[in-house]
PDB file of N, CA and C in Angstrom:
ATOM      1  N   MET A   1     -17.111  -2.354   7.116  1.00  0.00           N
ATOM      2  CA  MET A   1     -17.249  -1.182   6.273  1.00  0.00           C
ATOM      3  C   MET A   1     -16.823   0.071   7.056  1.00  0.00           C
ATOM      4  N   ILE A   2     -16.008   0.871   6.431  1.00  0.00           N
ATOM      5  CA  ILE A   2     -15.567   2.113   7.054  1.00  0.00           C
ATOM      6  C   ILE A   2     -16.636   3.182   6.820  1.00  0.00           C
ATOM      7  N   THR A   3     -17.067   3.809   7.894  1.00  0.00           N
ATOM      8  CA  THR A   3     -18.098   4.842   7.797  1.00  0.00           C
ATOM      9  C   THR A   3     -17.459   6.222   7.670  1.00  0.00           C
ATOM     10  N   ILE A   4     -18.268   7.186   7.321  1.00  0.00           N
ATOM     11  CA  ILE A   4     -17.800   8.570   7.263  1.00  0.00           C
ATOM     12  C   ILE A   4     -17.323   8.992   8.655  1.00  0.00           C
ATOM     13  N   GLN A   5     -18.050   8.580   9.690  1.00  0.00           N
ATOM     14  CA  GLN A   5     -17.658   8.896  11.065  1.00  0.00           C
ATOM     15  C   GLN A   5     -16.254   8.363  11.360  1.00  0.00           C
ATOM     16  N   ASP A   6     -15.975   7.135  10.924  1.00  0.00           N
ATOM     17  CA  ASP A   6     -14.644   6.555  11.118  1.00  0.00           C
ATOM     18  C   ASP A   6     -13.579   7.384  10.401  1.00  0.00           C
ATOM     19  N   MET A   7     -13.865   7.784   9.178  1.00  0.00           N
ATOM     20  CA  MET A   7     -12.902   8.582   8.411  1.00  0.00           C
ATOM     21  C   MET A   7     -12.653   9.938   9.071  1.00  0.00           C
ATOM     22  N   ILE A   8     -13.711  10.557   9.554  1.00  0.00           N
ATOM     23  CA  ILE A   8     -13.580  11.852  10.216  1.00  0.00           C
ATOM     24  C   ILE A   8     -12.740  11.707  11.478  1.00  0.00           C
ATOM     25  N   GLU A   9     -13.032  10.683  12.280  1.00  0.00           N
ATOM     26  CA  GLU A   9     -12.264  10.477  13.509  1.00  0.00           C
ATOM     27  C   GLU A   9     -10.795  10.205  13.208  1.00  0.00           C
ATOM     28  N   THR A  10     -10.518   9.496  12.129  1.00  0.00           N
ATOM     29  CA  THR A  10      -9.134   9.259  11.717  1.00  0.00           C
ATOM     30  C   THR A  10      -8.458  10.579  11.358  1.00  0.00           C
ATOM     31  N   MET A  11      -9.164  11.453  10.654  1.00  0.00           N
ATOM     32  CA  MET A  11      -8.605  12.757  10.297  1.00  0.00           C
ATOM     33  C   MET A  11      -8.367  13.613  11.538  1.00  0.00           C
ATOM     34  N   ILE A  12      -9.262  13.543  12.504  1.00  0.00           N
ATOM     35  CA  ILE A  12      -9.096  14.307  13.746  1.00  0.00           C
ATOM     36  C   ILE A  12      -7.863  13.822  14.497  1.00  0.00           C
ATOM     37  N   ILE A  13      -7.705  12.514  14.603  1.00  0.00           N
ATOM     38  CA  ILE A  13      -6.543  11.949  15.280  1.00  0.00           C
ATOM     39  C   ILE A  13      -5.254  12.365  14.568  1.00  0.00           C
ATOM     40  N   SER A  14      -5.272  12.355  13.240  1.00  0.00           N
ATOM     41  CA  SER A  14      -4.104  12.768  12.462  1.00  0.00           C
ATOM     42  C   SER A  14      -3.787  14.248  12.701  1.00  0.00           C
ATOM     43  N   GLU A  15      -4.807  15.086  12.708  1.00  0.00           N
ATOM     44  CA  GLU A  15      -4.624  16.519  12.957  1.00  0.00           C
ATOM     45  C   GLU A  15      -4.081  16.748  14.366  1.00  0.00           C
ATOM     46  N   LEU A  16      -4.611  16.014  15.340  1.00  0.00           N
ATOM     47  CA  LEU A  16      -4.136  16.118  16.722  1.00  0.00           C
ATOM     48  C   LEU A  16      -2.659  15.738  16.805  1.00  0.00           C
ATOM     49  N   SER A  17      -2.287  14.663  16.146  1.00  0.00           N
ATOM     50  CA  SER A  17      -0.901  14.210  16.148  1.00  0.00           C
ATOM     51  C   SER A  17       0.024  15.264  15.559  1.00  0.00           C
ATOM     52  N   GLU A  18      -0.365  15.867  14.460  1.00  0.00           N
ATOM     53  CA  GLU A  18       0.444  16.920  13.833  1.00  0.00           C
ATOM     54  C   GLU A  18       0.569  18.137  14.745  1.00  0.00           C
ATOM     55  N   ALA A  19      -0.525  18.508  15.390  1.00  0.00           N
ATOM     56  CA  ALA A  19      -0.494  19.663  16.298  1.00  0.00           C
ATOM     57  C   ALA A  19       0.433  19.391  17.483  1.00  0.00           C
ATOM     58  N   GLU A  20       0.429  18.170  17.971  1.00  0.00           N
ATOM     59  CA  GLU A  20       1.293  17.813  19.102  1.00  0.00           C
ATOM     60  C   GLU A  20       2.767  17.855  18.714  1.00  0.00           C
ATOM     61  N   LYS A  21       3.057  17.573  17.448  1.00  0.00           N
ATOM     62  CA  LYS A  21       4.444  17.653  16.968  1.00  0.00           C
ATOM     63  C   LYS A  21       4.907  19.109  16.828  1.00  0.00           C
ATOM     64  N   LYS A  22       3.995  19.987  16.424  1.00  0.00           N
ATOM     65  CA  LYS A  22       4.346  21.372  16.125  1.00  0.00           C
ATOM     66  C   LYS A  22       4.314  22.298  17.338  1.00  0.00           C
ATOM     67  N   TYR A  23       3.373  22.058  18.264  1.00  0.00           N
ATOM     68  CA  TYR A  23       3.112  23.020  19.331  1.00  0.00           C
ATOM     69  C   TYR A  23       3.257  22.385  20.710  1.00  0.00           C
ATOM     70  N   LYS A  24       3.624  23.208  21.657  1.00  0.00           N
ATOM     71  CA  LYS A  24       3.730  22.768  23.044  1.00  0.00           C
ATOM     72  C   LYS A  24       2.329  22.423  23.573  1.00  0.00           C
ATOM     73  N   PRO A  25       2.264  21.637  24.641  1.00  0.00           N
ATOM     74  CA  PRO A  25       0.966  21.308  25.238  1.00  0.00           C
ATOM     75  C   PRO A  25       0.222  22.548  25.722  1.00  0.00           C
ATOM     76  N   ILE A  26      -1.087  22.442  25.777  1.00  0.00           N
ATOM     77  CA  ILE A  26      -1.915  23.501  26.353  1.00  0.00           C
ATOM     78  C   ILE A  26      -1.672  23.482  27.856  1.00  0.00           C
ATOM     79  N   ASN A  27      -1.360  24.657  28.424  1.00  0.00           N
ATOM     80  CA  ASN A  27      -0.972  24.728  29.830  1.00  0.00           C
ATOM     81  C   ASN A  27      -2.085  25.119  30.789  1.00  0.00           C
ATOM     82  N   SER A  28      -3.171  25.686  30.270  1.00  0.00           N
ATOM     83  CA  SER A  28      -4.247  26.126  31.156  1.00  0.00           C
ATOM     84  C   SER A  28      -5.563  26.159  30.394  1.00  0.00           C
ATOM     85  N   SER A  29      -6.639  26.209  31.140  1.00  0.00           N
ATOM     86  CA  SER A  29      -7.963  26.321  30.517  1.00  0.00           C
ATOM     87  C   SER A  29      -8.062  27.599  29.692  1.00  0.00           C
ATOM     88  N   LYS A  30      -7.467  28.680  30.194  1.00  0.00           N
ATOM     89  CA  LYS A  30      -7.516  29.954  29.461  1.00  0.00           C
ATOM     90  C   LYS A  30      -6.781  29.841  28.135  1.00  0.00           C
ATOM     91  N   GLU A  31      -5.628  29.190  28.151  1.00  0.00           N
ATOM     92  CA  GLU A  31      -4.889  28.996  26.901  1.00  0.00           C
ATOM     93  C   GLU A  31      -5.686  28.099  25.951  1.00  0.00           C
ATOM     94  N   GLY A  32      -6.278  27.049  26.473  1.00  0.00           N
ATOM     95  CA  GLY A  32      -7.107  26.159  25.652  1.00  0.00           C
ATOM     96  C   GLY A  32      -8.284  26.896  25.043  1.00  0.00           C
ATOM     97  N   TYR A  33      -8.891  27.763  25.833  1.00  0.00           N
ATOM     98  CA  TYR A  33      -9.991  28.580  25.341  1.00  0.00           C
ATOM     99  C   TYR A  33      -9.532  29.451  24.174  1.00  0.00           C
ATOM    100  N   ALA A  34      -8.374  30.078  24.336  1.00  0.00           N
ATOM    101  CA  ALA A  34      -7.852  30.962  23.290  1.00  0.00           C
ATOM    102  C   ALA A  34      -7.585  30.186  22.002  1.00  0.00           C
ATOM    103  N   VAL A  35      -7.022  28.992  22.130  1.00  0.00           N
ATOM    104  CA  VAL A  35      -6.756  28.162  20.952  1.00  0.00           C
ATOM    105  C   VAL A  35      -8.073  27.801  20.260  1.00  0.00           C
ATOM    106  N   LEU A  36      -9.050  27.352  21.040  1.00  0.00           N
ATOM    107  CA  LEU A  36     -10.350  26.994  20.462  1.00  0.00           C
ATOM    108  C   LEU A  36     -11.046  28.199  19.843  1.00  0.00           C
ATOM    109  N   LYS A  37     -10.960  29.341  20.511  1.00  0.00           N
ATOM    110  CA  LYS A  37     -11.596  30.563  19.991  1.00  0.00           C
ATOM    111  C   LYS A  37     -11.024  30.923  18.624  1.00  0.00           C
ATOM    112  N   GLU A  38      -9.706  30.848  18.496  1.00  0.00           N
ATOM    113  CA  GLU A  38      -9.066  31.167  17.211  1.00  0.00           C
ATOM    114  C   GLU A  38      -9.547  30.215  16.115  1.00  0.00           C
ATOM    115  N   GLU A  39      -9.563  28.929  16.414  1.00  0.00           N
ATOM    116  CA  GLU A  39     -10.004  27.944  15.418  1.00  0.00           C
ATOM    117  C   GLU A  39     -11.467  28.149  15.037  1.00  0.00           C
ATOM    118  N   ILE A  40     -12.306  28.432  16.016  1.00  0.00           N
ATOM    119  CA  ILE A  40     -13.736  28.624  15.749  1.00  0.00           C
ATOM    120  C   ILE A  40     -13.963  29.903  14.956  1.00  0.00           C
ATOM    121  N   GLU A  41     -13.185  30.944  15.232  1.00  0.00           N
ATOM    122  CA  GLU A  41     -13.307  32.178  14.453  1.00  0.00           C
ATOM    123  C   GLU A  41     -12.932  31.937  12.991  1.00  0.00           C
ATOM    124  N   GLU A  42     -11.909  31.124  12.752  1.00  0.00           N
ATOM    125  CA  GLU A  42     -11.530  30.793  11.374  1.00  0.00           C
ATOM    126  C   GLU A  42     -12.657  30.012  10.690  1.00  0.00           C
ATOM    127  N   LEU A  43     -13.270  29.100  11.417  1.00  0.00           N
ATOM    128  CA  LEU A  43     -14.389  28.338  10.882  1.00  0.00           C
ATOM    129  C   LEU A  43     -15.567  29.263  10.573  1.00  0.00           C
ATOM    130  N   ALA A  44     -15.851  30.187  11.479  1.00  0.00           N
ATOM    131  CA  ALA A  44     -16.946  31.140  11.273  1.00  0.00           C
ATOM    132  C   ALA A  44     -16.685  32.023  10.043  1.00  0.00           C
ATOM    133  N   ASP A  45     -15.433  32.432   9.853  1.00  0.00           N
ATOM    134  CA  ASP A  45     -15.088  33.236   8.668  1.00  0.00           C
ATOM    135  C   ASP A  45     -15.383  32.452   7.394  1.00  0.00           C
ATOM    136  N   ASP A  46     -15.034  31.171   7.385  1.00  0.00           N
ATOM    137  CA  ASP A  46     -15.300  30.348   6.203  1.00  0.00           C
ATOM    138  C   ASP A  46     -16.801  30.198   5.963  1.00  0.00           C
ATOM    139  N   PHE A  47     -17.578  30.014   7.028  1.00  0.00           N
ATOM    140  CA  PHE A  47     -19.035  29.931   6.872  1.00  0.00           C
ATOM    141  C   PHE A  47     -19.593  31.234   6.313  1.00  0.00           C
ATOM    142  N   HIS A  48     -19.055  32.345   6.788  1.00  0.00           N
ATOM    143  CA  HIS A  48     -19.487  33.647   6.283  1.00  0.00           C
ATOM    144  C   HIS A  48     -19.184  33.756   4.779  1.00  0.00           C
ATOM    145  N   ASP A  49     -17.987  33.339   4.382  1.00  0.00           N
ATOM    146  CA  ASP A  49     -17.613  33.370   2.966  1.00  0.00           C
ATOM    147  C   ASP A  49     -18.550  32.490   2.135  1.00  0.00           C
ATOM    148  N   LEU A  50     -18.869  31.305   2.663  1.00  0.00           N
ATOM    149  CA  LEU A  50     -19.761  30.392   1.942  1.00  0.00           C
ATOM    150  C   LEU A  50     -21.148  31.003   1.786  1.00  0.00           C
ATOM    151  N   ASN A  51     -21.645  31.613   2.847  1.00  0.00           N
ATOM    152  CA  ASN A  51     -22.961  32.249   2.780  1.00  0.00           C
ATOM    153  C   ASN A  51     -22.971  33.413   1.793  1.00  0.00           C
ATOM    154  N   SER A  52     -21.869  34.163   1.754  1.00  0.00           N
ATOM    155  CA  SER A  52     -21.762  35.267   0.785  1.00  0.00           C
ATOM    156  C   SER A  52     -21.803  34.744  -0.648  1.00  0.00           C
ATOM    157  N   LYS A  53     -21.092  33.647  -0.883  1.00  0.00           N
ATOM    158  CA  LYS A  53     -21.092  33.054  -2.229  1.00  0.00           C
ATOM    159  C   LYS A  53     -22.482  32.544  -2.600  1.00  0.00           C
ATOM    160  N   LEU A  54     -23.235  32.087  -1.610  1.00  0.00           N
ATOM    161  CA  LEU A  54     -24.604  31.657  -1.889  1.00  0.00           C
ATOM    162  C   LEU A  54     -25.430  32.825  -2.422  1.00  0.00           C
ATOM    163  N   GLY A  55     -25.223  34.015  -1.853  1.00  0.00           N
ATOM    164  CA  GLY A  55     -25.894  35.212  -2.361  1.00  0.00           C
ATOM    165  C   GLY A  55     -25.468  35.539  -3.782  1.00  0.00           C
ATOM    166  N   VAL A  56     -24.178  35.381  -4.060  1.00  0.00           N
ATOM    167  CA  VAL A  56     -23.665  35.611  -5.416  1.00  0.00           C
ATOM    168  C   VAL A  56     -24.293  34.607  -6.386  1.00  0.00           C
ATOM    169  N   LEU A  57     -24.374  33.363  -5.951  1.00  0.00           N
ATOM    170  CA  LEU A  57     -24.989  32.338  -6.802  1.00  0.00           C
ATOM    171  C   LEU A  57     -26.428  32.698  -7.126  1.00  0.00           C
ATOM    172  N   TRP A  58     -27.180  33.116  -6.122  1.00  0.00           N
ATOM    173  CA  TRP A  58     -28.582  33.461  -6.356  1.00  0.00           C
ATOM    174  C   TRP A  58     -28.688  34.619  -7.348  1.00  0.00           C
ATOM    175  N   TYR A  59     -27.825  35.627  -7.227  1.00  0.00           N
ATOM    176  CA  TYR A  59     -27.797  36.733  -8.175  1.00  0.00           C
ATOM    177  C   TYR A  59     -27.544  36.213  -9.594  1.00  0.00           C
ATOM    178  N   ASN A  60     -26.563  35.334  -9.736  1.00  0.00           N
ATOM    179  CA  ASN A  60     -26.236  34.795 -11.058  1.00  0.00           C
ATOM    180  C   ASN A  60     -27.355  33.932 -11.622  1.00  0.00           C
ATOM    181  N   ILE A  61     -28.088  33.266 -10.757  1.00  0.00           N
ATOM    182  CA  ILE A  61     -29.248  32.488 -11.210  1.00  0.00           C
ATOM    183  C   ILE A  61     -30.342  33.428 -11.701  1.00  0.00           C
ATOM    184  N   LYS A  62     -30.642  34.460 -10.908  1.00  0.00           N
ATOM    185  CA  LYS A  62     -31.691  35.409 -11.303  1.00  0.00           C
ATOM    186  C   LYS A  62     -31.341  36.120 -12.601  1.00  0.00           C
ATOM    187  N   GLU A  63     -30.054  36.427 -12.772  1.00  0.00           N
ATOM    188  CA  GLU A  63     -29.608  37.143 -13.964  1.00  0.00           C
ATOM    189  C   GLU A  63     -29.291  36.203 -15.133  1.00  0.00           C
ATOM    190  N   LYS A  64     -29.466  34.921 -14.919  1.00  0.00           N
ATOM    191  CA  LYS A  64     -29.250  33.891 -15.944  1.00  0.00           C
ATOM    192  C   LYS A  64     -27.837  33.972 -16.532  1.00  0.00           C
ATOM    193  N   ILE A  65     -26.851  33.864 -15.644  1.00  0.00           N
ATOM    194  CA  ILE A  65     -25.450  33.903 -16.050  1.00  0.00           C
ATOM    195  C   ILE A  65     -24.844  32.534 -15.705  1.00  0.00           C
ATOM    196  N   PRO A  66     -25.006  31.556 -16.595  1.00  0.00           N
ATOM    197  CA  PRO A  66     -24.586  30.190 -16.257  1.00  0.00           C
ATOM    198  C   PRO A  66     -23.088  30.026 -16.015  1.00  0.00           C
ATOM    199  N   THR A  67     -22.246  30.749 -16.738  1.00  0.00           N
ATOM    200  CA  THR A  67     -20.808  30.579 -16.522  1.00  0.00           C
ATOM    201  C   THR A  67     -20.417  31.059 -15.118  1.00  0.00           C
ATOM    202  N   GLN A  68     -21.032  32.134 -14.655  1.00  0.00           N
ATOM    203  CA  GLN A  68     -20.765  32.625 -13.304  1.00  0.00           C
ATOM    204  C   GLN A  68     -21.343  31.682 -12.254  1.00  0.00           C
ATOM    205  N   GLN A  69     -22.475  31.065 -12.566  1.00  0.00           N
ATOM    206  CA  GLN A  69     -23.059  30.083 -11.643  1.00  0.00           C
ATOM    207  C   GLN A  69     -22.062  28.943 -11.428  1.00  0.00           C
ATOM    208  N   HIS A  70     -21.529  28.448 -12.525  1.00  0.00           N
ATOM    209  CA  HIS A  70     -20.568  27.347 -12.450  1.00  0.00           C
ATOM    210  C   HIS A  70     -19.342  27.753 -11.639  1.00  0.00           C
ATOM    211  N   PHE A  71     -18.814  28.932 -11.911  1.00  0.00           N
ATOM    212  CA  PHE A  71     -17.637  29.437 -11.209  1.00  0.00           C
ATOM    213  C   PHE A  71     -17.924  29.601  -9.714  1.00  0.00           C
ATOM    214  N   THR A  72     -19.079  30.161  -9.380  1.00  0.00           N
ATOM    215  CA  THR A  72     -19.439  30.391  -7.987  1.00  0.00           C
ATOM    216  C   THR A  72     -19.628  29.080  -7.234  1.00  0.00           C
ATOM    217  N   VAL A  73     -20.248  28.100  -7.873  1.00  0.00           N
ATOM    218  CA  VAL A  73     -20.416  26.793  -7.227  1.00  0.00           C
ATOM    219  C   VAL A  73     -19.052  26.148  -6.981  1.00  0.00           C
ATOM    220  N   GLU A  74     -18.119  26.321  -7.897  1.00  0.00           N
ATOM    221  CA  GLU A  74     -16.764  25.798  -7.694  1.00  0.00           C
ATOM    222  C   GLU A  74     -16.107  26.482  -6.495  1.00  0.00           C
ATOM    223  N   GLU A  75     -16.290  27.797  -6.372  1.00  0.00           N
ATOM    224  CA  GLU A  75     -15.765  28.516  -5.203  1.00  0.00           C
ATOM    225  C   GLU A  75     -16.419  27.995  -3.917  1.00  0.00           C
ATOM    226  N   MET A  76     -17.717  27.730  -3.974  1.00  0.00           N
ATOM    227  CA  MET A  76     -18.428  27.210  -2.801  1.00  0.00           C
ATOM    228  C   MET A  76     -17.889  25.831  -2.417  1.00  0.00           C
ATOM    229  N   TYR A  77     -17.587  25.029  -3.403  1.00  0.00           N
ATOM    230  CA  TYR A  77     -17.000  23.709  -3.151  1.00  0.00           C
ATOM    231  C   TYR A  77     -15.674  23.855  -2.408  1.00  0.00           C
ATOM    232  N   ASN A  78     -14.824  24.749  -2.909  1.00  0.00           N
ATOM    233  CA  ASN A  78     -13.508  24.952  -2.286  1.00  0.00           C
ATOM    234  C   ASN A  78     -13.619  25.503  -0.866  1.00  0.00           C
ATOM    235  N   ILE A  79     -14.545  26.416  -0.648  1.00  0.00           N
ATOM    236  CA  ILE A  79     -14.769  26.944   0.704  1.00  0.00           C
ATOM    237  C   ILE A  79     -15.290  25.827   1.611  1.00  0.00           C
ATOM    238  N   SER A  80     -16.139  24.961   1.074  1.00  0.00           N
ATOM    239  CA  SER A  80     -16.645  23.826   1.853  1.00  0.00           C
ATOM    240  C   SER A  80     -15.513  22.925   2.311  1.00  0.00           C
ATOM    241  N   LEU A  81     -14.528  22.710   1.451  1.00  0.00           N
ATOM    242  CA  LEU A  81     -13.350  21.932   1.851  1.00  0.00           C
ATOM    243  C   LEU A  81     -12.607  22.628   2.994  1.00  0.00           C
ATOM    244  N   ASP A  82     -12.495  23.953   2.905  1.00  0.00           N
ATOM    245  CA  ASP A  82     -11.851  24.711   3.984  1.00  0.00           C
ATOM    246  C   ASP A  82     -12.633  24.569   5.293  1.00  0.00           C
ATOM    247  N   ILE A  83     -13.955  24.582   5.191  1.00  0.00           N
ATOM    248  CA  ILE A  83     -14.806  24.422   6.376  1.00  0.00           C
ATOM    249  C   ILE A  83     -14.570  23.057   7.016  1.00  0.00           C
ATOM    250  N   ILE A  84     -14.491  22.036   6.193  1.00  0.00           N
ATOM    251  CA  ILE A  84     -14.241  20.688   6.722  1.00  0.00           C
ATOM    252  C   ILE A  84     -12.899  20.646   7.443  1.00  0.00           C
ATOM    253  N   LYS A  85     -11.874  21.223   6.815  1.00  0.00           N
ATOM    254  CA  LYS A  85     -10.544  21.236   7.441  1.00  0.00           C
ATOM    255  C   LYS A  85     -10.565  21.998   8.765  1.00  0.00           C
ATOM    256  N   GLU A  86     -11.223  23.144   8.778  1.00  0.00           N
ATOM    257  CA  GLU A  86     -11.296  23.939  10.008  1.00  0.00           C
ATOM    258  C   GLU A  86     -12.083  23.199  11.090  1.00  0.00           C
ATOM    259  N   ALA A  87     -13.170  22.542  10.710  1.00  0.00           N
ATOM    260  CA  ALA A  87     -13.967  21.799  11.689  1.00  0.00           C
ATOM    261  C   ALA A  87     -13.143  20.659  12.288  1.00  0.00           C
ATOM    262  N   ILE A  88     -12.339  20.017  11.472  1.00  0.00           N
ATOM    263  CA  ILE A  88     -11.456  18.959  11.968  1.00  0.00           C
ATOM    264  C   ILE A  88     -10.439  19.545  12.945  1.00  0.00           C
ATOM    265  N   GLN A  89      -9.919  20.735  12.634  1.00  0.00           N
ATOM    266  CA  GLN A  89      -8.978  21.381  13.543  1.00  0.00           C
ATOM    267  C   GLN A  89      -9.642  21.738  14.875  1.00  0.00           C
ATOM    268  N   VAL A  90     -10.880  22.204  14.828  1.00  0.00           N
ATOM    269  CA  VAL A  90     -11.612  22.508  16.063  1.00  0.00           C
ATOM    270  C   VAL A  90     -11.756  21.241  16.899  1.00  0.00           C
ATOM    271  N   ALA A  91     -12.190  20.155  16.268  1.00  0.00           N
ATOM    272  CA  ALA A  91     -12.365  18.894  16.982  1.00  0.00           C
ATOM    273  C   ALA A  91     -11.044  18.401  17.568  1.00  0.00           C
ATOM    274  N   ALA A  92      -9.972  18.525  16.798  1.00  0.00           N
ATOM    275  CA  ALA A  92      -8.658  18.095  17.281  1.00  0.00           C
ATOM    276  C   ALA A  92      -8.219  18.924  18.480  1.00  0.00           C
ATOM    277  N   MET A  93      -8.498  20.226  18.450  1.00  0.00           N
ATOM    278  CA  MET A  93      -8.112  21.067  19.577  1.00  0.00           C
ATOM    279  C   MET A  93      -8.990  20.794  20.799  1.00  0.00           C
ATOM    280  N   CYS A  94     -10.215  20.372  20.596  1.00  0.00           N
ATOM    281  CA  CYS A  94     -11.046  19.930  21.727  1.00  0.00           C
ATOM    282  C   CYS A  94     -10.405  18.714  22.389  1.00  0.00           C
ATOM    283  N   LYS A  95      -9.975  17.766  21.572  1.00  0.00           N
ATOM    284  CA  LYS A  95      -9.298  16.580  22.101  1.00  0.00           C
ATOM    285  C   LYS A  95      -7.985  16.963  22.775  1.00  0.00           C
ATOM    286  N   ARG A  96      -7.262  17.908  22.181  1.00  0.00           N
ATOM    287  CA  ARG A  96      -5.988  18.354  22.764  1.00  0.00           C
ATOM    288  C   ARG A  96      -6.228  18.995  24.122  1.00  0.00           C
ATOM    289  N   PHE A  97      -7.247  19.820  24.226  1.00  0.00           N
ATOM    290  CA  PHE A  97      -7.621  20.456  25.490  1.00  0.00           C
ATOM    291  C   PHE A  97      -7.828  19.380  26.549  1.00  0.00           C
ATOM    292  N   GLN A  98      -8.638  18.397  26.230  1.00  0.00           N
ATOM    293  CA  GLN A  98      -8.924  17.316  27.178  1.00  0.00           C
ATOM    294  C   GLN A  98      -7.667  16.528  27.520  1.00  0.00           C
ATOM    295  N   LYS A  99      -6.893  16.208  26.520  1.00  0.00           N
ATOM    296  CA  LYS A  99      -5.694  15.377  26.707  1.00  0.00           C
ATOM    297  C   LYS A  99      -4.626  16.103  27.524  1.00  0.00           C
ATOM    298  N   ASP A 100      -4.362  17.359  27.170  1.00  0.00           N
ATOM    299  CA  ASP A 100      -3.291  18.100  27.833  1.00  0.00           C
ATOM    300  C   ASP A 100      -3.659  18.494  29.263  1.00  0.00           C
ATOM    301  N   LEU A 101      -4.929  18.823  29.490  1.00  0.00           N
ATOM    302  CA  LEU A 101      -5.303  19.310  30.805  1.00  0.00           C
ATOM    303  C   LEU A 101      -5.907  18.237  31.697  1.00  0.00           C
ATOM    304  N   GLY A 102      -6.592  17.284  31.126  1.00  0.00           N
ATOM    305  CA  GLY A 102      -7.235  16.262  31.941  1.00  0.00           C
ATOM    306  C   GLY A 102      -8.283  16.880  32.847  1.00  0.00           C
ATOM    307  N   VAL A 103      -9.176  16.092  33.338  1.00  0.00           N
ATOM    308  CA  VAL A 103     -10.255  16.595  34.177  1.00  0.00           C
ATOM    309  C   VAL A 103      -9.716  17.258  35.439  1.00  0.00           C
ATOM    310  N   GLU A 104      -8.667  16.684  36.015  1.00  0.00           N
ATOM    311  CA  GLU A 104      -8.115  17.217  37.251  1.00  0.00           C
ATOM    312  C   GLU A 104      -7.487  18.602  37.062  1.00  0.00           C
ATOM    313  N   GLU A 105      -7.008  18.853  35.849  1.00  0.00           N
ATOM    314  CA  GLU A 105      -6.295  20.099  35.578  1.00  0.00           C
ATOM    315  C   GLU A 105      -7.235  21.249  35.195  1.00  0.00           C
ATOM    316  N   ILE A 106      -8.430  20.936  34.755  1.00  0.00           N
ATOM    317  CA  ILE A 106      -9.346  21.979  34.284  1.00  0.00           C
ATOM    318  C   ILE A 106      -9.920  22.726  35.486  1.00  0.00           C
ATOM    319  N   LYS A 107      -9.595  24.017  35.539  1.00  0.00           N
ATOM    320  CA  LYS A 107     -10.055  24.853  36.661  1.00  0.00           C
ATOM    321  C   LYS A 107     -10.575  26.168  36.155  1.00  0.00           C
TER     322      LYS A 107
END
């Protein structure tokens, strides 16, 4: 049986492979840090957006606006997909950092 963990790891490997095709190897710990920082900031922005939509949802619940509730939950779903994609990119860049620099190279 394929687990969610297996599927996630497959997606990370796929993302890593695509990144290796598009971009040059990470050359230093500082460069790796910068790449990870950018990816994590994008992930944080998506979490912020999701949390904001949660506030909008609560407002629509209190005001009994069901059509807006439905719309807001759909937006939250889409942001959640973005969060998953960004988290996979973060994980892939962690693997890229390790792969490109190796333990001996990390200084």
